[in-house]
Amino acid sequence: MLVLAPTSRDAALTRAVFDRAGIPCLCCGDLDEICAQAESGAGALLLPEEAIDQDRGSCLIEWLARQPTWSDLPVLVLARPGADSAAVAQVMDLLGNVTVVERPTRVVALVSAVRAALRARQRQLQIRDHLAERREADRRKDEFLAILGHELRNPLAPIRSGLDLLKMSAADTEVVDMMSGQVEHLVRLVDDLLDVSRILRGKVELRRRPVELSEVVRRAAEAARAMFEAEGQGFTVTLPDGPVGLDADPVRLSQVFTNLLTNAGKYTEPGGRIML
């Protein structure tokens, strides 16, 4: 507790009360000292209303406004009877997490209010620690994904080269084209892994270009066909008679169709029929 008592006698009495209650406290001479001590950490503040009313420069209001998002430092204000003065009303608006305690107050009521404020502050500190742990976990996850992305890229280069050679010599170029499409898809996914911060923010970039609908559907259908065959599911694709041109990201669009077809296979009974 950081305490700014109205008088030195009040400071001594307050310190004695908190000592008996087992609550560590530090009595400060003015609001500037309160703010300086708060920089080092505080569980709560105990202030008289007149001290705030007289401090129009209010370093305290500025300090409270600079708190991090997790912090809402409890402020207990000792107010004159009635607790309806203009100063108290202003304090309630400016200081945020304020509890008004009328004075003179019973010791048990003051100690109870202080303990409640300190418990609230303890929960805030737990949130702060949890956020710090999450940030560290995210940092380690980012590092892992970056390493994984680099490691996955290494074998992709020779695979692409091998497919280029097969395309020049293979009689069945349709199979090679399908494999090449899946490799390009994998390359794009690996590229996304290398930009982990963008993925974590949900800002995956769309690489739009002119693309024909049948190209996208064919790629997705080939990716899902093996699953359908394993379950004995019939699969038919019906496309428009003429070409349908799109301004789209073919890889992302293929992902959409592939996810839909995967779900269709998952929730269709073995031997059933799936139509796209």
C-alpha atoms as a PDB file:
ATOM      1  CA  MET A   1       0.000   0.000   0.000  1.00  0.00           C
ATOM      2  CA  LEU A   2       1.137   3.511  -0.819  1.00  0.00           C
ATOM      3  CA  VAL A   3      -0.433   5.947   1.641  1.00  0.00           C
ATOM      4  CA  LEU A   4      -0.764   9.727   1.536  1.00  0.00           C
ATOM      5  CA  ALA A   5      -2.200  10.641   4.924  1.00  0.00           C
ATOM      6  CA  PRO A   6      -3.794  14.062   5.661  1.00  0.00           C
ATOM      7  CA  THR A   7      -1.436  14.672   8.617  1.00  0.00           C
ATOM      8  CA  SER A   8       1.693  13.120  10.112  1.00  0.00           C
ATOM      9  CA  ARG A   9      -0.428  11.835  12.990  1.00  0.00           C
ATOM     10  CA  ASP A  10      -2.780  10.179  10.508  1.00  0.00           C
ATOM     11  CA  ALA A  11       0.223   8.649   8.784  1.00  0.00           C
ATOM     12  CA  ALA A  12       1.484   7.122  12.036  1.00  0.00           C
ATOM     13  CA  LEU A  13      -1.975   5.783  12.927  1.00  0.00           C
ATOM     14  CA  THR A  14      -2.492   4.364   9.443  1.00  0.00           C
ATOM     15  CA  ARG A  15       0.895   2.649   9.467  1.00  0.00           C
ATOM     16  CA  ALA A  16       0.124   1.117  12.869  1.00  0.00           C
ATOM     17  CA  VAL A  17      -3.254  -0.152  11.649  1.00  0.00           C
ATOM     18  CA  PHE A  18      -1.751  -1.775   8.579  1.00  0.00           C
ATOM     19  CA  ASP A  19       1.161  -3.232  10.566  1.00  0.00           C
ATOM     20  CA  ARG A  20      -1.294  -4.980  12.889  1.00  0.00           C
ATOM     21  CA  ALA A  21      -3.225  -6.269   9.865  1.00  0.00           C
ATOM     22  CA  GLY A  22      -0.034  -7.589   8.240  1.00  0.00           C
ATOM     23  CA  ILE A  23      -0.321  -5.241   5.262  1.00  0.00           C
ATOM     24  CA  PRO A  24       2.978  -3.672   4.133  1.00  0.00           C
ATOM     25  CA  CYS A  25       2.590   0.055   3.556  1.00  0.00           C
ATOM     26  CA  LEU A  26       4.708   3.070   2.693  1.00  0.00           C
ATOM     27  CA  CYS A  27       3.619   6.569   3.730  1.00  0.00           C
ATOM     28  CA  CYS A  28       4.492   9.256   1.168  1.00  0.00           C
ATOM     29  CA  GLY A  29       4.757  13.017   1.590  1.00  0.00           C
ATOM     30  CA  ASP A  30       2.909  14.109  -1.560  1.00  0.00           C
ATOM     31  CA  LEU A  31       1.475  12.893  -4.860  1.00  0.00           C
ATOM     32  CA  ASP A  32       4.801  13.269  -6.637  1.00  0.00           C
ATOM     33  CA  GLU A  33       6.314  10.755  -4.230  1.00  0.00           C
ATOM     34  CA  ILE A  34       3.278   8.514  -4.652  1.00  0.00           C
ATOM     35  CA  CYS A  35       3.834   8.486  -8.424  1.00  0.00           C
ATOM     36  CA  ALA A  36       7.566   7.889  -8.055  1.00  0.00           C
ATOM     37  CA  GLN A  37       6.983   4.927  -5.743  1.00  0.00           C
ATOM     38  CA  ALA A  38       4.199   3.560  -7.953  1.00  0.00           C
ATOM     39  CA  GLU A  39       6.707   3.256 -10.794  1.00  0.00           C
ATOM     40  CA  SER A  40       8.438   0.570  -8.704  1.00  0.00           C
ATOM     41  CA  GLY A  41       5.161  -1.256  -8.098  1.00  0.00           C
ATOM     42  CA  ALA A  42       2.167  -0.841  -5.840  1.00  0.00           C
ATOM     43  CA  GLY A  43      -0.777  -2.920  -4.702  1.00  0.00           C
ATOM     44  CA  ALA A  44      -3.108   0.040  -4.139  1.00  0.00           C
ATOM     45  CA  LEU A  45      -3.155   3.729  -3.176  1.00  0.00           C
ATOM     46  CA  LEU A  46      -4.796   5.352  -0.159  1.00  0.00           C
ATOM     47  CA  LEU A  47      -5.299   9.107  -0.561  1.00  0.00           C
ATOM     48  CA  PRO A  48      -7.280  11.917   1.091  1.00  0.00           C
ATOM     49  CA  GLU A  49      -9.670  13.756  -1.218  1.00  0.00           C
ATOM     50  CA  GLU A  50      -8.167  17.172  -0.445  1.00  0.00           C
ATOM     51  CA  ALA A  51      -4.725  16.109  -1.677  1.00  0.00           C
ATOM     52  CA  ILE A  52      -6.185  15.285  -5.090  1.00  0.00           C
ATOM     53  CA  ASP A  53      -8.361  18.401  -5.100  1.00  0.00           C
ATOM     54  CA  GLN A  54      -5.307  20.610  -4.495  1.00  0.00           C
ATOM     55  CA  ASP A  55      -3.108  18.939  -7.114  1.00  0.00           C
ATOM     56  CA  ARG A  56      -4.430  20.440 -10.344  1.00  0.00           C
ATOM     57  CA  GLY A  57      -1.281  19.389 -12.196  1.00  0.00           C
ATOM     58  CA  SER A  58      -2.127  15.847 -11.178  1.00  0.00           C
ATOM     59  CA  CYS A  59       0.882  13.720 -11.930  1.00  0.00           C
ATOM     60  CA  LEU A  60      -1.222  10.866 -10.546  1.00  0.00           C
ATOM     61  CA  ILE A  61      -3.887  11.169 -13.248  1.00  0.00           C
ATOM     62  CA  GLU A  62      -1.180  11.180 -15.910  1.00  0.00           C
ATOM     63  CA  TRP A  63       0.571   8.206 -14.332  1.00  0.00           C
ATOM     64  CA  LEU A  64      -2.651   6.192 -14.149  1.00  0.00           C
ATOM     65  CA  ALA A  65      -3.389   7.015 -17.786  1.00  0.00           C
ATOM     66  CA  ARG A  66      -0.041   5.484 -18.781  1.00  0.00           C
ATOM     67  CA  GLN A  67      -0.762   2.113 -17.177  1.00  0.00           C
ATOM     68  CA  PRO A  68      -0.394  -0.958 -19.402  1.00  0.00           C
ATOM     69  CA  THR A  69      -3.593  -2.580 -20.622  1.00  0.00           C
ATOM     70  CA  TRP A  70      -3.591  -5.279 -17.949  1.00  0.00           C
ATOM     71  CA  SER A  71      -3.262  -2.737 -15.085  1.00  0.00           C
ATOM     72  CA  ASP A  72      -6.079  -0.946 -13.244  1.00  0.00           C
ATOM     73  CA  LEU A  73      -4.440   0.185 -10.009  1.00  0.00           C
ATOM     74  CA  PRO A  74      -6.999   0.422  -7.171  1.00  0.00           C
ATOM     75  CA  VAL A  75      -7.253   3.872  -5.569  1.00  0.00           C
ATOM     76  CA  LEU A  76      -8.962   4.302  -2.189  1.00  0.00           C
ATOM     77  CA  VAL A  77     -10.011   7.886  -1.451  1.00  0.00           C
ATOM     78  CA  LEU A  78     -10.643   9.015   2.099  1.00  0.00           C
ATOM     79  CA  ALA A  79     -13.562  11.447   1.788  1.00  0.00           C
ATOM     80  CA  ARG A  80     -15.395  13.749   4.144  1.00  0.00           C
ATOM     81  CA  PRO A  81     -18.792  12.598   5.431  1.00  0.00           C
ATOM     82  CA  GLY A  82     -21.332  12.315   2.655  1.00  0.00           C
ATOM     83  CA  ALA A  83     -18.777  11.534  -0.049  1.00  0.00           C
ATOM     84  CA  ASP A  84     -20.616  13.809  -2.448  1.00  0.00           C
ATOM     85  CA  SER A  85     -18.171  16.698  -2.838  1.00  0.00           C
ATOM     86  CA  ALA A  86     -17.147  18.029  -6.248  1.00  0.00           C
ATOM     87  CA  ALA A  87     -13.609  16.784  -5.642  1.00  0.00           C
ATOM     88  CA  VAL A  88     -14.799  13.227  -5.069  1.00  0.00           C
ATOM     89  CA  ALA A  89     -16.987  13.351  -8.167  1.00  0.00           C
ATOM     90  CA  GLN A  90     -14.019  14.517 -10.228  1.00  0.00           C
ATOM     91  CA  VAL A  91     -11.807  11.827  -8.723  1.00  0.00           C
ATOM     92  CA  MET A  92     -14.313   9.122  -9.634  1.00  0.00           C
ATOM     93  CA  ASP A  93     -14.191  10.264 -13.266  1.00  0.00           C
ATOM     94  CA  LEU A  94     -10.440  10.768 -13.589  1.00  0.00           C
ATOM     95  CA  LEU A  95      -8.786   8.084 -11.491  1.00  0.00           C
ATOM     96  CA  GLY A  96     -10.670   5.064 -12.767  1.00  0.00           C
ATOM     97  CA  ASN A  97     -10.677   2.213 -10.234  1.00  0.00           C
ATOM     98  CA  VAL A  98     -11.732   4.282  -7.202  1.00  0.00           C
ATOM     99  CA  THR A  99     -13.254   3.186  -3.906  1.00  0.00           C
ATOM    100  CA  VAL A 100     -14.501   6.026  -1.669  1.00  0.00           C
ATOM    101  CA  VAL A 101     -14.073   5.471   2.076  1.00  0.00           C
ATOM    102  CA  GLU A 102     -15.772   7.999   4.373  1.00  0.00           C
ATOM    103  CA  ARG A 103     -13.755   9.328   7.239  1.00  0.00           C
ATOM    104  CA  PRO A 104     -13.619   8.963  10.089  1.00  0.00           C
ATOM    105  CA  THR A 105     -13.861   5.258   9.326  1.00  0.00           C
ATOM    106  CA  ARG A 106     -13.788   2.161  11.441  1.00  0.00           C
ATOM    107  CA  VAL A 107     -10.524   0.274  11.359  1.00  0.00           C
ATOM    108  CA  VAL A 108     -12.168  -2.986  10.315  1.00  0.00           C
ATOM    109  CA  ALA A 109     -13.903  -1.254   7.377  1.00  0.00           C
ATOM    110  CA  LEU A 110     -10.666   0.362   6.193  1.00  0.00           C
ATOM    111  CA  VAL A 111      -8.677  -2.869   6.447  1.00  0.00           C
ATOM    112  CA  SER A 112     -11.428  -4.772   4.640  1.00  0.00           C
ATOM    113  CA  ALA A 113     -11.484  -2.260   1.792  1.00  0.00           C
ATOM    114  CA  VAL A 114      -7.694  -2.350   1.486  1.00  0.00           C
ATOM    115  CA  ARG A 115      -7.576  -6.143   1.448  1.00  0.00           C
ATOM    116  CA  ALA A 116     -10.242  -6.235  -1.283  1.00  0.00           C
ATOM    117  CA  ALA A 117      -8.199  -3.765  -3.341  1.00  0.00           C
ATOM    118  CA  LEU A 118      -5.021  -5.805  -2.886  1.00  0.00           C
ATOM    119  CA  ARG A 119      -6.790  -9.008  -3.920  1.00  0.00           C
ATOM    120  CA  ALA A 120      -7.996  -7.279  -7.070  1.00  0.00           C
ATOM    121  CA  ARG A 121      -4.468  -6.070  -7.758  1.00  0.00           C
ATOM    122  CA  GLN A 122      -3.115  -9.581  -7.248  1.00  0.00           C
ATOM    123  CA  ARG A 123      -5.499 -10.881  -9.928  1.00  0.00           C
ATOM    124  CA  GLN A 124      -4.250  -8.180 -12.291  1.00  0.00           C
ATOM    125  CA  LEU A 125      -0.667  -9.260 -11.692  1.00  0.00           C
ATOM    126  CA  GLN A 126      -1.635 -12.844 -12.407  1.00  0.00           C
ATOM    127  CA  ILE A 127      -3.114 -11.693 -15.723  1.00  0.00           C
ATOM    128  CA  ARG A 128       0.110  -9.801 -16.458  1.00  0.00           C
ATOM    129  CA  ASP A 129       2.177 -12.930 -15.801  1.00  0.00           C
ATOM    130  CA  HIS A 130      -0.177 -15.025 -17.925  1.00  0.00           C
ATOM    131  CA  LEU A 131       0.132 -12.564 -20.816  1.00  0.00           C
ATOM    132  CA  ALA A 132       3.921 -12.646 -20.496  1.00  0.00           C
ATOM    133  CA  GLU A 133       3.861 -16.444 -20.625  1.00  0.00           C
ATOM    134  CA  ARG A 134       1.628 -16.343 -23.701  1.00  0.00           C
ATOM    135  CA  ARG A 135       3.972 -13.910 -25.448  1.00  0.00           C
ATOM    136  CA  GLU A 136       6.936 -16.166 -24.701  1.00  0.00           C
ATOM    137  CA  ALA A 137       5.016 -19.215 -25.936  1.00  0.00           C
ATOM    138  CA  ASP A 138       4.070 -17.340 -29.119  1.00  0.00           C
ATOM    139  CA  ARG A 139       7.698 -16.318 -29.641  1.00  0.00           C
ATOM    140  CA  ARG A 140       8.855 -19.926 -29.334  1.00  0.00           C
ATOM    141  CA  LYS A 141       6.069 -21.077 -31.644  1.00  0.00           C
ATOM    142  CA  ASP A 142       7.123 -18.467 -34.204  1.00  0.00           C
ATOM    143  CA  GLU A 143      10.709 -19.697 -34.034  1.00  0.00           C
ATOM    144  CA  PHE A 144       9.595 -23.317 -34.418  1.00  0.00           C
ATOM    145  CA  LEU A 145       7.404 -22.539 -37.429  1.00  0.00           C
ATOM    146  CA  ALA A 146      10.168 -20.522 -39.056  1.00  0.00           C
ATOM    147  CA  ILE A 147      12.633 -23.405 -38.647  1.00  0.00           C
ATOM    148  CA  LEU A 148      10.020 -25.880 -39.858  1.00  0.00           C
ATOM    149  CA  GLY A 149       9.313 -23.756 -42.911  1.00  0.00           C
ATOM    150  CA  HIS A 150      12.985 -23.625 -43.870  1.00  0.00           C
ATOM    151  CA  GLU A 151      13.419 -27.363 -43.346  1.00  0.00           C
ATOM    152  CA  LEU A 152      10.379 -28.132 -45.500  1.00  0.00           C
ATOM    153  CA  ARG A 153      11.624 -25.953 -48.337  1.00  0.00           C
ATOM    154  CA  ASN A 154      14.870 -27.900 -48.694  1.00  0.00           C
ATOM    155  CA  PRO A 155      13.349 -31.100 -50.205  1.00  0.00           C
ATOM    156  CA  LEU A 156      10.843 -29.192 -52.347  1.00  0.00           C
ATOM    157  CA  ALA A 157      13.431 -27.856 -54.804  1.00  0.00           C
ATOM    158  CA  PRO A 158      14.626 -31.308 -56.024  1.00  0.00           C
ATOM    159  CA  ILE A 159      11.023 -32.555 -56.131  1.00  0.00           C
ATOM    160  CA  ARG A 160      10.049 -29.681 -58.413  1.00  0.00           C
ATOM    161  CA  SER A 161      13.092 -30.327 -60.598  1.00  0.00           C
ATOM    162  CA  GLY A 162      12.244 -34.030 -60.793  1.00  0.00           C
ATOM    163  CA  LEU A 163       8.667 -33.244 -61.846  1.00  0.00           C
ATOM    164  CA  ASP A 164       9.957 -30.941 -64.589  1.00  0.00           C
ATOM    165  CA  LEU A 165      12.072 -33.805 -65.929  1.00  0.00           C
ATOM    166  CA  LEU A 166       9.138 -36.215 -65.733  1.00  0.00           C
ATOM    167  CA  LYS A 167       6.942 -33.755 -67.589  1.00  0.00           C
ATOM    168  CA  MET A 168       9.391 -33.755 -70.500  1.00  0.00           C
ATOM    169  CA  SER A 169       9.623 -37.552 -70.688  1.00  0.00           C
ATOM    170  CA  ALA A 170       6.378 -38.978 -69.271  1.00  0.00           C
ATOM    171  CA  ALA A 171       3.629 -40.188 -71.560  1.00  0.00           C
ATOM    172  CA  ASP A 172       0.919 -39.490 -68.985  1.00  0.00           C
ATOM    173  CA  THR A 173       1.420 -35.773 -68.431  1.00  0.00           C
ATOM    174  CA  GLU A 174      -1.953 -35.429 -66.655  1.00  0.00           C
ATOM    175  CA  VAL A 175      -0.627 -37.281 -63.593  1.00  0.00           C
ATOM    176  CA  VAL A 176       2.549 -35.212 -63.613  1.00  0.00           C
ATOM    177  CA  ASP A 177       0.513 -32.011 -63.907  1.00  0.00           C
ATOM    178  CA  MET A 178      -1.589 -33.073 -60.922  1.00  0.00           C
ATOM    179  CA  MET A 179       1.538 -33.790 -58.888  1.00  0.00           C
ATOM    180  CA  SER A 180       3.055 -30.450 -59.934  1.00  0.00           C
ATOM    181  CA  GLY A 181      -0.084 -28.645 -58.819  1.00  0.00           C
ATOM    182  CA  GLN A 182       0.055 -30.288 -55.399  1.00  0.00           C
ATOM    183  CA  VAL A 183       3.749 -29.436 -55.026  1.00  0.00           C
ATOM    184  CA  GLU A 184       3.031 -25.791 -55.887  1.00  0.00           C
ATOM    185  CA  HIS A 185       0.269 -25.871 -53.303  1.00  0.00           C
ATOM    186  CA  LEU A 186       2.741 -27.194 -50.735  1.00  0.00           C
ATOM    187  CA  VAL A 187       5.265 -24.517 -51.684  1.00  0.00           C
ATOM    188  CA  ARG A 188       2.682 -21.835 -50.993  1.00  0.00           C
ATOM    189  CA  LEU A 189       1.850 -23.336 -47.591  1.00  0.00           C
ATOM    190  CA  VAL A 190       5.532 -23.451 -46.681  1.00  0.00           C
ATOM    191  CA  ASP A 191       5.910 -19.825 -47.752  1.00  0.00           C
ATOM    192  CA  ASP A 192       3.100 -18.958 -45.366  1.00  0.00           C
ATOM    193  CA  LEU A 193       4.876 -20.771 -42.554  1.00  0.00           C
ATOM    194  CA  LEU A 194       7.873 -18.533 -43.127  1.00  0.00           C
ATOM    195  CA  ASP A 195       5.700 -15.480 -42.502  1.00  0.00           C
ATOM    196  CA  VAL A 196       4.307 -16.666 -39.176  1.00  0.00           C
ATOM    197  CA  SER A 197       3.459 -13.227 -37.834  1.00  0.00           C
ATOM    198  CA  ARG A 198       1.083 -12.642 -40.732  1.00  0.00           C
ATOM    199  CA  ILE A 199      -0.622 -15.994 -40.124  1.00  0.00           C
ATOM    200  CA  LEU A 200      -1.015 -15.338 -36.388  1.00  0.00           C
ATOM    201  CA  ARG A 201      -2.691 -12.001 -37.151  1.00  0.00           C
ATOM    202  CA  GLY A 202      -5.045 -13.730 -39.564  1.00  0.00           C
ATOM    203  CA  LYS A 203      -3.790 -11.622 -42.479  1.00  0.00           C
ATOM    204  CA  VAL A 204      -3.017 -14.202 -45.123  1.00  0.00           C
ATOM    205  CA  GLU A 205      -2.243 -12.397 -48.370  1.00  0.00           C
ATOM    206  CA  LEU A 206      -4.325 -13.182 -51.452  1.00  0.00           C
ATOM    207  CA  ARG A 207      -2.309 -13.527 -54.660  1.00  0.00           C
ATOM    208  CA  ARG A 208      -5.005 -12.872 -57.209  1.00  0.00           C
ATOM    209  CA  ARG A 209      -4.648 -13.558 -60.914  1.00  0.00           C
ATOM    210  CA  PRO A 210      -6.903 -14.544 -63.810  1.00  0.00           C
ATOM    211  CA  VAL A 211      -7.824 -18.196 -63.321  1.00  0.00           C
ATOM    212  CA  GLU A 212     -10.321 -20.575 -64.862  1.00  0.00           C
ATOM    213  CA  LEU A 213     -12.818 -22.274 -62.541  1.00  0.00           C
ATOM    214  CA  SER A 214     -12.259 -25.756 -63.961  1.00  0.00           C
ATOM    215  CA  GLU A 215      -8.531 -25.499 -63.115  1.00  0.00           C
ATOM    216  CA  VAL A 216      -9.320 -24.844 -59.455  1.00  0.00           C
ATOM    217  CA  VAL A 217     -11.984 -27.544 -59.252  1.00  0.00           C
ATOM    218  CA  ARG A 218      -9.757 -30.123 -60.953  1.00  0.00           C
ATOM    219  CA  ARG A 219      -6.954 -29.500 -58.459  1.00  0.00           C
ATOM    220  CA  ALA A 220      -9.289 -29.873 -55.476  1.00  0.00           C
ATOM    221  CA  ALA A 221     -10.992 -32.951 -56.928  1.00  0.00           C
ATOM    222  CA  GLU A 222      -7.681 -34.721 -57.515  1.00  0.00           C
ATOM    223  CA  ALA A 223      -6.617 -33.989 -53.931  1.00  0.00           C
ATOM    224  CA  ALA A 224      -9.828 -35.525 -52.524  1.00  0.00           C
ATOM    225  CA  ARG A 225     -10.361 -38.414 -54.958  1.00  0.00           C
ATOM    226  CA  ALA A 226      -8.077 -40.893 -53.166  1.00  0.00           C
ATOM    227  CA  MET A 227     -10.046 -40.446 -49.921  1.00  0.00           C
ATOM    228  CA  PHE A 228     -13.337 -41.096 -51.699  1.00  0.00           C
ATOM    229  CA  GLU A 229     -11.982 -44.215 -53.386  1.00  0.00           C
ATOM    230  CA  ALA A 230     -10.728 -45.576 -50.044  1.00  0.00           C
ATOM    231  CA  GLU A 231     -14.282 -45.294 -48.647  1.00  0.00           C
ATOM    232  CA  GLY A 232     -15.918 -46.674 -51.774  1.00  0.00           C
ATOM    233  CA  GLN A 233     -17.724 -43.372 -52.291  1.00  0.00           C
ATOM    234  CA  GLY A 234     -18.912 -42.352 -55.720  1.00  0.00           C
ATOM    235  CA  PHE A 235     -17.658 -38.932 -56.837  1.00  0.00           C
ATOM    236  CA  THR A 236     -18.828 -36.898 -59.799  1.00  0.00           C
ATOM    237  CA  VAL A 237     -17.900 -33.384 -60.868  1.00  0.00           C
ATOM    238  CA  THR A 238     -20.179 -31.281 -63.070  1.00  0.00           C
ATOM    239  CA  LEU A 239     -18.784 -28.055 -64.513  1.00  0.00           C
ATOM    240  CA  PRO A 240     -20.441 -25.338 -66.613  1.00  0.00           C
ATOM    241  CA  ASP A 241     -20.438 -25.937 -70.370  1.00  0.00           C
ATOM    242  CA  GLY A 242     -18.238 -22.930 -71.079  1.00  0.00           C
ATOM    243  CA  PRO A 243     -15.192 -21.482 -69.331  1.00  0.00           C
ATOM    244  CA  VAL A 244     -15.734 -19.398 -66.173  1.00  0.00           C
ATOM    245  CA  GLY A 245     -13.006 -16.842 -65.614  1.00  0.00           C
ATOM    246  CA  LEU A 246     -12.228 -15.642 -62.105  1.00  0.00           C
ATOM    247  CA  ASP A 247     -10.045 -12.948 -60.588  1.00  0.00           C
ATOM    248  CA  ALA A 248      -8.899 -14.971 -57.581  1.00  0.00           C
ATOM    249  CA  ASP A 249      -6.104 -16.690 -55.704  1.00  0.00           C
ATOM    250  CA  PRO A 250      -6.180 -20.215 -57.185  1.00  0.00           C
ATOM    251  CA  VAL A 251      -4.399 -21.837 -54.243  1.00  0.00           C
ATOM    252  CA  ARG A 252      -6.747 -20.348 -51.637  1.00  0.00           C
ATOM    253  CA  LEU A 253      -9.789 -21.161 -53.761  1.00  0.00           C
ATOM    254  CA  SER A 254      -8.528 -24.710 -54.182  1.00  0.00           C
ATOM    255  CA  GLN A 255      -8.196 -24.933 -50.416  1.00  0.00           C
ATOM    256  CA  VAL A 256     -11.843 -23.932 -50.040  1.00  0.00           C
ATOM    257  CA  PHE A 257     -13.031 -26.631 -52.435  1.00  0.00           C
ATOM    258  CA  THR A 258     -10.699 -29.228 -50.914  1.00  0.00           C
ATOM    259  CA  ASN A 259     -11.986 -28.508 -47.389  1.00  0.00           C
ATOM    260  CA  LEU A 260     -15.600 -28.797 -48.573  1.00  0.00           C
ATOM    261  CA  LEU A 261     -14.901 -32.085 -50.329  1.00  0.00           C
ATOM    262  CA  THR A 262     -12.986 -33.434 -47.304  1.00  0.00           C
ATOM    263  CA  ASN A 263     -15.947 -32.664 -45.064  1.00  0.00           C
ATOM    264  CA  ALA A 264     -18.303 -34.248 -47.579  1.00  0.00           C
ATOM    265  CA  GLY A 265     -16.262 -37.452 -47.540  1.00  0.00           C
ATOM    266  CA  LYS A 266     -16.011 -37.408 -43.754  1.00  0.00           C
ATOM    267  CA  TYR A 267     -19.772 -37.118 -43.197  1.00  0.00           C
ATOM    268  CA  THR A 268     -20.932 -39.345 -46.069  1.00  0.00           C
ATOM    269  CA  GLU A 269     -21.397 -43.041 -45.305  1.00  0.00           C
ATOM    270  CA  PRO A 270     -19.078 -45.556 -47.033  1.00  0.00           C
ATOM    271  CA  GLY A 271     -20.475 -46.380 -50.462  1.00  0.00           C
ATOM    272  CA  GLY A 272     -22.365 -43.095 -50.644  1.00  0.00           C
ATOM    273  CA  ARG A 273     -22.290 -40.543 -53.434  1.00  0.00           C
ATOM    274  CA  ILE A 274     -20.668 -37.110 -53.473  1.00  0.00           C
ATOM    275  CA  MET A 275     -21.390 -34.598 -56.227  1.00  0.00           C
ATOM    276  CA  LEU A 276     -19.656 -31.314 -56.918  1.00  0.00           C
END
